[in-house]
Amino acid sequence: MKILRYLFFIALLFLLGTAVFVATQKPSYSVTKSLYIKNKRAVVFDYVNDLRNWETFAAWIVEHQGTQFKYPESSSGKNAHAEWTGSRDGNLKTLQYKDAELLRYVSDENGQLTHYTWQFKDTLGGTKVQLTAKGTLDFNSKIKAFFQGGVQSAMGNLYERTLVGLEKSISRELKTFQVKVMGLVNQPRVFYLKQFVRCKAKNLTRSIKTTLPKMQWFFKKNAVQTAGKPFIIYHKWNKEARVVDYSVCIPVKDTIAIEEGSDIAFGVLPPFKALRVQLKGDYSHLQKTWNKGIQYINTKKWARLTHLNVIEIYRKNGEDTPHPSQWITEVYLPVQPTATRQPRTVIQDTVAVVTPNEPAVNSNPSP
């Protein structure tokens, strides 16, 4: 018994000593880690810029399952914001945005602030990504860090895993995709609410990722009932000015009166016959999807009805899953088949894991 009491006393002294030592250590930390990623700077920047993607690579998120996320209005750009609930409640918001160069955020998790600075620089064959994190730890977090080699070491390892996760996530989520020609469909008439957008052609993917969530947030905020999946109508593709005009739309059941002066408008999509081409993957592969459809139309010698607008229906997007490789988008190209017999649905070849430098089959096709 004396030996047990003696061992218990020693263990107690050790625990008390450890607690005192940890309590006297500085709770603040500042770590900087960097990694070279073999992808274009704009691609890497855009991926980090969308806060929904953080669920796929941020170690402090990926390694803690069960956290529920919300993205009020916008998850990317200057006004990006995210909130989460779980074992710890918190939020993350943008402090500074410099296109393709710099991103600064601050997170507040139960009053514990962390500042993140992301920097992006071109390198030979890729991008240098540098992440600086500054913050403070509460007592429980300092105890955990103590057994991981100290605050600086523990947090340094955390952000190293984050950068490695970013590299793997970009490779997996952006490079893996499938394109299938699904065949002819009769697109029915649709009532919808829309918001007109004009953007540079090179920024189209980024624009869609920004405007689509905002439109979905508008419906939630105003309790407007949807009648289908969101879609985009392409109005004009100006090759000389390299500008795209489109509307981001969400179906509604009936006509809706809109206040004068609002940037939201009501519209009706007329019925038409179209070739449906499906993309499973990130929006950056939509050009390849268009090209596959146009090639199929040319092979069949069908007439493209260019006086009708091309639409893209977003069957599964960021609202459904944070993994871009699982998004499903369908392109509807208006056509008039010359054959009297309806062809059977044809499923084309599957494309997966391509290099980011793969050339497009065609230059930007006009809707």
Protein backbone atom coordinates (compact mmCIF):
# COMPACT_ATOMS: atom_id res chain seq x y z
CA MET A 1 0.00 0.00 0.00
CA LYS A 2 2.84 2.37 0.82
CA ILE A 3 4.32 1.81 -2.62
CA LEU A 4 0.97 2.55 -4.29
CA ARG A 5 0.54 5.74 -2.28
CA TYR A 6 4.10 6.72 -3.14
CA LEU A 7 3.51 6.14 -6.88
CA PHE A 8 0.19 8.01 -6.71
CA PHE A 9 1.92 10.95 -5.01
CA ILE A 10 4.65 11.02 -7.68
CA ALA A 11 2.04 10.90 -10.47
CA LEU A 12 0.09 13.71 -8.83
CA LEU A 13 3.22 15.83 -8.53
CA PHE A 14 4.00 15.16 -12.19
CA LEU A 15 0.51 16.20 -13.27
CA LEU A 16 0.59 19.33 -11.14
CA GLY A 17 4.05 20.21 -12.41
CA THR A 18 2.98 19.67 -16.02
CA ALA A 19 -0.13 21.80 -15.51
CA VAL A 20 1.90 24.62 -13.95
CA PHE A 21 4.50 24.41 -16.71
CA VAL A 22 1.88 24.43 -19.48
CA ALA A 23 -0.02 27.28 -17.82
CA THR A 24 3.09 29.47 -17.77
CA GLN A 25 3.82 28.90 -21.47
CA LYS A 26 2.80 31.54 -23.98
CA PRO A 27 -0.55 30.67 -25.55
CA SER A 28 0.18 32.56 -28.76
CA TYR A 29 1.85 31.11 -31.83
CA SER A 30 2.88 32.14 -35.33
CA VAL A 31 3.84 29.53 -37.91
CA THR A 32 4.58 29.79 -41.63
CA LYS A 33 4.58 26.80 -43.94
CA SER A 34 4.87 26.56 -47.72
CA LEU A 35 4.44 23.96 -50.44
CA TYR A 36 4.89 23.76 -54.22
CA ILE A 37 1.80 22.59 -56.10
CA LYS A 38 1.97 21.53 -59.74
CA ASN A 39 -0.97 23.57 -60.97
CA LYS A 40 -1.65 27.06 -62.26
CA ARG A 41 -1.68 29.88 -59.71
CA ALA A 42 -5.20 31.00 -60.63
CA VAL A 43 -6.52 27.44 -60.19
CA VAL A 44 -4.91 27.00 -56.75
CA PHE A 45 -6.04 30.47 -55.66
CA ASP A 46 -9.64 29.87 -56.72
CA TYR A 47 -9.73 26.56 -54.88
CA VAL A 48 -8.57 28.10 -51.58
CA ASN A 49 -10.76 31.17 -52.18
CA ASP A 50 -13.94 29.04 -51.99
CA LEU A 51 -14.47 28.33 -48.30
CA ARG A 52 -16.57 25.27 -49.12
CA ASN A 53 -13.38 23.60 -50.32
CA TRP A 54 -11.74 23.99 -46.91
CA GLU A 55 -13.80 21.00 -45.82
CA THR A 56 -11.68 18.89 -48.21
CA PHE A 57 -8.19 19.93 -47.08
CA ALA A 58 -8.02 21.95 -43.80
CA ALA A 59 -6.61 19.48 -41.26
CA TRP A 60 -8.45 21.01 -38.29
CA ILE A 61 -11.71 20.41 -40.18
CA VAL A 62 -11.01 17.12 -41.96
CA GLU A 63 -9.71 15.47 -38.77
CA HIS A 64 -12.77 16.45 -36.70
CA GLN A 65 -15.83 14.69 -38.09
CA GLY A 66 -19.39 15.73 -37.28
CA THR A 67 -18.99 19.48 -37.78
CA GLN A 68 -21.92 21.09 -39.60
CA PHE A 69 -21.23 24.04 -41.92
CA LYS A 70 -23.32 26.94 -43.21
CA TYR A 71 -22.34 29.43 -45.91
CA PRO A 72 -24.49 32.58 -45.70
CA GLU A 73 -24.85 34.23 -49.13
CA SER A 74 -21.31 33.79 -50.49
CA SER A 75 -18.54 31.28 -49.82
CA SER A 76 -15.91 32.92 -52.04
CA GLY A 77 -14.58 36.38 -52.89
CA LYS A 78 -14.38 39.55 -50.85
CA ASN A 79 -17.46 38.87 -48.71
CA ALA A 80 -16.88 35.17 -48.12
CA HIS A 81 -18.19 33.85 -44.82
CA ALA A 82 -18.60 30.45 -43.20
CA GLU A 83 -20.11 29.26 -39.93
CA TRP A 84 -19.96 25.90 -38.20
CA THR A 85 -21.39 24.06 -35.23
CA GLY A 86 -20.19 20.95 -33.47
CA SER A 87 -17.88 20.26 -30.56
CA ARG A 88 -16.74 23.86 -31.08
CA ASP A 89 -18.82 26.61 -32.70
CA GLY A 90 -17.13 29.17 -34.89
CA ASN A 91 -17.01 31.28 -38.01
CA LEU A 92 -14.54 32.34 -40.68
CA LYS A 93 -14.61 35.52 -42.75
CA THR A 94 -12.50 37.32 -45.34
CA LEU A 95 -10.35 40.25 -44.25
CA GLN A 96 -8.41 40.89 -47.45
CA TYR A 97 -8.66 39.69 -51.05
CA LYS A 98 -6.08 40.30 -53.78
CA ASP A 99 -6.89 38.36 -56.91
CA ALA A 100 -4.60 35.35 -57.49
CA GLU A 101 -2.05 36.71 -55.00
CA LEU A 102 -3.27 37.07 -51.40
CA LEU A 103 -6.07 35.97 -49.09
CA ARG A 104 -6.47 36.91 -45.42
CA TYR A 105 -9.05 35.45 -43.06
CA VAL A 106 -9.91 35.51 -39.39
CA SER A 107 -11.69 32.71 -37.55
CA ASP A 108 -13.45 32.98 -34.21
CA GLU A 109 -13.95 29.65 -32.47
CA ASN A 110 -15.57 30.09 -29.06
CA GLY A 111 -13.75 33.40 -28.70
CA GLN A 112 -10.41 31.95 -29.81
CA LEU A 113 -9.14 34.02 -32.76
CA THR A 114 -6.87 32.74 -35.53
CA HIS A 115 -5.58 34.82 -38.46
CA TYR A 116 -4.68 33.09 -41.74
CA THR A 117 -2.64 34.61 -44.56
CA TRP A 118 -2.39 32.74 -47.87
CA GLN A 119 0.11 33.88 -50.50
CA PHE A 120 0.41 32.51 -54.04
CA LYS A 121 3.41 32.91 -56.36
CA ASP A 122 4.22 31.51 -59.80
CA THR A 123 7.03 28.97 -59.92
CA LEU A 124 8.50 26.82 -62.64
CA GLY A 125 5.77 24.33 -63.46
CA GLY A 126 3.42 25.30 -60.68
CA THR A 127 2.61 27.51 -57.71
CA LYS A 128 4.28 28.22 -54.38
CA VAL A 129 1.62 28.38 -51.67
CA GLN A 130 2.58 29.94 -48.35
CA LEU A 131 0.31 29.76 -45.31
CA THR A 132 0.91 31.83 -42.18
CA ALA A 133 -1.27 31.21 -39.14
CA LYS A 134 -1.29 33.33 -35.99
CA GLY A 135 -3.44 32.64 -32.98
CA THR A 136 -3.76 31.68 -29.34
CA LEU A 137 -4.62 28.40 -27.65
CA ASP A 138 -6.80 27.79 -24.63
CA PHE A 139 -5.51 25.68 -21.73
CA ASN A 140 -6.88 22.36 -23.03
CA SER A 141 -5.33 22.97 -26.45
CA LYS A 142 -1.99 23.85 -24.82
CA ILE A 143 -2.09 20.57 -22.88
CA LYS A 144 -2.59 18.64 -26.14
CA ALA A 145 0.18 20.65 -27.83
CA PHE A 146 2.55 19.91 -24.92
CA PHE A 147 2.40 16.18 -25.66
CA GLN A 148 3.00 16.91 -29.37
CA GLY A 149 6.30 18.71 -28.82
CA GLY A 150 5.03 22.17 -27.84
CA VAL A 151 2.76 24.81 -29.28
CA GLN A 152 4.95 25.81 -32.24
CA SER A 153 5.67 22.21 -33.21
CA ALA A 154 2.06 21.06 -32.87
CA MET A 155 0.63 23.95 -34.86
CA GLY A 156 3.39 23.69 -37.46
CA ASN A 157 2.50 20.03 -38.03
CA LEU A 158 -1.19 20.95 -38.28
CA TYR A 159 -0.63 23.45 -41.09
CA GLU A 160 1.84 21.21 -42.88
CA ARG A 161 -0.91 18.58 -43.04
CA THR A 162 -3.26 21.27 -44.31
CA LEU A 163 -1.00 22.16 -47.25
CA VAL A 164 -0.45 18.50 -48.10
CA GLY A 165 -4.22 18.04 -47.95
CA LEU A 166 -4.66 21.01 -50.30
CA GLU A 167 -2.29 19.48 -52.86
CA LYS A 168 -4.04 16.11 -52.74
CA SER A 169 -7.49 17.67 -52.82
CA ILE A 170 -6.74 19.81 -55.89
CA SER A 171 -5.29 16.81 -57.70
CA ARG A 172 -8.26 14.61 -56.82
CA GLU A 173 -11.15 17.06 -56.99
CA LEU A 174 -10.19 19.15 -60.02
CA LYS A 175 -8.45 16.70 -62.31
CA THR A 176 -10.96 13.85 -62.06
CA PHE A 177 -14.06 14.24 -64.21
CA GLN A 178 -16.38 12.42 -66.60
CA VAL A 179 -18.18 13.65 -69.73
CA LYS A 180 -21.09 11.70 -71.22
CA VAL A 181 -23.36 12.41 -74.17
CA MET A 182 -26.78 11.34 -72.88
CA GLY A 183 -28.87 11.82 -76.05
CA LEU A 184 -31.91 13.85 -77.14
CA VAL A 185 -34.38 15.27 -74.61
CA ASN A 186 -37.48 17.43 -74.74
CA GLN A 187 -36.83 20.31 -72.37
CA PRO A 188 -40.21 21.48 -71.00
CA ARG A 189 -41.34 25.04 -70.33
CA VAL A 190 -40.00 26.44 -67.07
CA PHE A 191 -40.93 29.46 -64.94
CA TYR A 192 -37.93 30.91 -63.15
CA LEU A 193 -36.35 33.82 -61.31
CA LYS A 194 -33.09 35.09 -62.74
CA GLN A 195 -30.21 37.48 -62.17
CA PHE A 196 -28.26 38.79 -65.15
CA VAL A 197 -24.45 38.51 -65.05
CA ARG A 198 -21.71 39.79 -67.35
CA CYS A 199 -18.15 38.57 -66.85
CA LYS A 200 -14.90 38.06 -68.69
CA ALA A 201 -14.73 34.73 -70.48
CA LYS A 202 -11.58 33.72 -68.61
CA ASN A 203 -13.38 34.27 -65.30
CA LEU A 204 -16.52 32.31 -66.20
CA THR A 205 -15.85 29.34 -63.89
CA ARG A 206 -15.10 31.65 -60.97
CA SER A 207 -18.19 33.75 -61.73
CA ILE A 208 -20.49 30.72 -61.74
CA LYS A 209 -19.09 29.51 -58.41
CA THR A 210 -19.82 32.94 -56.94
CA THR A 211 -23.21 33.83 -58.45
CA LEU A 212 -24.90 30.44 -58.16
CA PRO A 213 -24.62 30.24 -54.32
CA LYS A 214 -25.80 33.86 -54.03
CA MET A 215 -28.96 33.08 -55.99
CA GLN A 216 -29.61 30.02 -53.85
CA TRP A 217 -29.10 32.14 -50.73
CA PHE A 218 -31.63 34.68 -52.08
CA PHE A 219 -34.26 31.94 -52.24
CA LYS A 220 -33.50 30.77 -48.69
CA LYS A 221 -33.40 34.27 -47.25
CA ASN A 222 -36.75 35.22 -48.80
CA ALA A 223 -38.38 31.81 -48.27
CA VAL A 224 -39.11 31.43 -52.00
CA GLN A 225 -40.10 27.87 -52.90
CA THR A 226 -38.05 26.29 -55.68
CA ALA A 227 -39.49 24.02 -58.37
CA GLY A 228 -36.32 22.39 -59.62
CA LYS A 229 -32.56 22.56 -59.83
CA PRO A 230 -30.73 25.84 -60.57
CA PHE A 231 -29.60 26.48 -64.12
CA ILE A 232 -27.78 29.03 -66.25
CA ILE A 233 -28.99 30.55 -69.53
CA TYR A 234 -26.26 31.79 -71.87
CA HIS A 235 -27.36 34.90 -73.76
CA LYS A 236 -24.25 36.02 -75.61
CA TRP A 237 -20.63 34.96 -75.94
CA ASN A 238 -18.65 37.86 -77.42
CA LYS A 239 -15.42 36.32 -78.70
CA GLU A 240 -13.89 39.66 -79.73
CA ALA A 241 -14.46 41.34 -76.37
CA ARG A 242 -14.03 38.00 -74.56
CA VAL A 243 -17.14 38.69 -72.50
CA VAL A 244 -19.96 36.33 -71.55
CA ASP A 245 -23.55 37.38 -70.76
CA TYR A 246 -25.60 34.87 -68.81
CA SER A 247 -28.38 34.61 -66.24
CA VAL A 248 -28.28 32.45 -63.15
CA CYS A 249 -31.79 31.01 -62.65
CA ILE A 250 -33.85 28.91 -60.27
CA PRO A 251 -37.24 27.40 -61.29
CA VAL A 252 -40.47 28.45 -59.54
CA LYS A 253 -43.98 26.95 -59.77
CA ASP A 254 -45.93 30.01 -60.91
CA THR A 255 -45.47 33.58 -62.07
CA ILE A 256 -44.01 35.90 -59.43
CA ALA A 257 -44.28 39.69 -59.34
CA ILE A 258 -40.93 41.39 -58.72
CA GLU A 259 -40.52 44.89 -57.32
CA GLU A 260 -39.41 47.49 -59.83
CA GLY A 261 -35.70 48.25 -59.66
CA SER A 262 -34.74 44.81 -58.36
CA ASP A 263 -31.83 42.99 -60.02
CA ILE A 264 -33.92 39.81 -59.79
CA ALA A 265 -36.40 39.23 -62.66
CA PHE A 266 -39.04 36.68 -63.64
CA GLY A 267 -38.69 34.72 -66.85
CA VAL A 268 -40.16 31.84 -68.86
CA LEU A 269 -38.00 29.26 -70.63
CA PRO A 270 -39.86 27.96 -73.72
CA PRO A 271 -39.85 24.22 -74.49
CA PHE A 272 -37.24 22.97 -76.94
CA LYS A 273 -35.48 19.81 -78.12
CA ALA A 274 -31.85 19.51 -77.06
CA LEU A 275 -28.82 17.27 -76.89
CA ARG A 276 -28.07 16.61 -73.21
CA VAL A 277 -24.39 16.27 -72.25
CA GLN A 278 -23.48 15.47 -68.65
CA LEU A 279 -20.39 16.54 -66.74
CA LYS A 280 -19.46 14.91 -63.46
CA GLY A 281 -16.73 17.10 -62.01
CA ASP A 282 -15.60 20.67 -61.49
CA TYR A 283 -17.00 23.50 -63.63
CA SER A 284 -13.55 24.09 -65.15
CA HIS A 285 -14.33 21.13 -67.46
CA LEU A 286 -17.51 22.66 -68.90
CA GLN A 287 -15.64 23.73 -72.04
CA LYS A 288 -14.79 20.08 -72.73
CA THR A 289 -18.45 19.20 -72.15
CA TRP A 290 -19.60 21.74 -74.73
CA ASN A 291 -16.98 20.50 -77.18
CA LYS A 292 -18.07 16.89 -76.77
CA GLY A 293 -21.68 17.85 -77.46
CA ILE A 294 -20.86 19.96 -80.51
CA GLN A 295 -18.71 17.17 -81.94
CA TYR A 296 -21.59 14.74 -81.48
CA ILE A 297 -24.03 17.12 -83.21
CA ASN A 298 -21.64 17.56 -86.14
CA THR A 299 -21.17 13.80 -86.44
CA LYS A 300 -24.94 13.28 -86.55
CA LYS A 301 -25.27 16.21 -88.97
CA TRP A 302 -27.99 17.75 -86.84
CA ALA A 303 -28.86 21.43 -87.06
CA ARG A 304 -27.90 23.56 -84.05
CA LEU A 305 -30.69 26.00 -83.22
CA THR A 306 -28.51 28.98 -82.42
CA HIS A 307 -31.51 31.30 -82.01
CA LEU A 308 -32.31 29.36 -78.80
CA ASN A 309 -30.23 29.70 -75.67
CA VAL A 310 -27.94 27.00 -74.35
CA ILE A 311 -28.66 26.13 -70.72
CA GLU A 312 -26.68 24.33 -68.00
CA ILE A 313 -28.62 22.59 -65.23
CA TYR A 314 -26.74 22.08 -61.95
CA ARG A 315 -28.04 18.72 -60.73
CA LYS A 316 -25.52 18.53 -57.88
CA ASN A 317 -23.38 21.47 -56.76
CA GLY A 318 -21.65 22.97 -53.74
CA GLU A 319 -24.94 23.08 -51.85
CA ASP A 320 -25.07 19.28 -52.02
CA THR A 321 -21.42 18.31 -51.53
CA PRO A 322 -18.10 20.15 -50.96
CA HIS A 323 -16.36 17.75 -53.37
CA PRO A 324 -16.19 19.22 -56.92
CA SER A 325 -15.39 15.80 -58.39
CA GLN A 326 -18.94 14.75 -57.43
CA TRP A 327 -20.78 17.75 -58.92
CA ILE A 328 -23.14 16.95 -61.79
CA THR A 329 -23.88 19.54 -64.47
CA GLU A 330 -25.88 18.99 -67.66
CA VAL A 331 -25.46 21.09 -70.81
CA TYR A 332 -28.53 21.38 -73.07
CA LEU A 333 -27.67 22.29 -76.68
CA PRO A 334 -30.81 23.14 -78.74
CA VAL A 335 -30.90 21.05 -81.93
CA GLN A 336 -33.15 19.93 -84.75
CA PRO A 337 -32.36 16.32 -85.74
CA THR A 338 -32.49 15.74 -89.49
CA ALA A 339 -33.35 12.06 -89.07
CA THR A 340 -37.01 11.13 -88.81
CA ARG A 341 -36.28 8.35 -86.38
CA GLN A 342 -35.31 9.29 -82.86
CA PRO A 343 -31.86 7.88 -82.07
CA ARG A 344 -31.38 5.88 -78.93
CA THR A 345 -29.64 7.44 -75.98
CA VAL A 346 -25.90 7.20 -76.52
CA ILE A 347 -23.35 7.23 -73.75
CA GLN A 348 -19.98 8.45 -74.90
CA ASP A 349 -16.55 7.71 -73.57
CA THR A 350 -15.44 8.64 -70.06
CA VAL A 351 -12.63 11.10 -69.45
CA ALA A 352 -10.74 11.10 -66.14
CA VAL A 353 -7.57 12.46 -64.56
CA VAL A 354 -6.23 14.79 -67.22
CA THR A 355 -3.31 17.15 -67.01
CA PRO A 356 -4.15 20.83 -66.38
CA ASN A 357 -2.37 21.80 -69.61
CA GLU A 358 -4.59 19.69 -71.86
CA PRO A 359 -5.66 21.89 -74.82
CA ALA A 360 -9.34 22.42 -75.51
CA VAL A 361 -10.78 20.67 -78.53
CA ASN A 362 -12.39 23.90 -79.64
CA SER A 363 -12.11 27.57 -78.86
CA ASN A 364 -14.92 29.05 -76.77
CA PRO A 365 -18.10 27.96 -78.55
CA SER A 366 -20.77 30.58 -78.83
CA PRO A 367 -24.08 29.72 -77.19
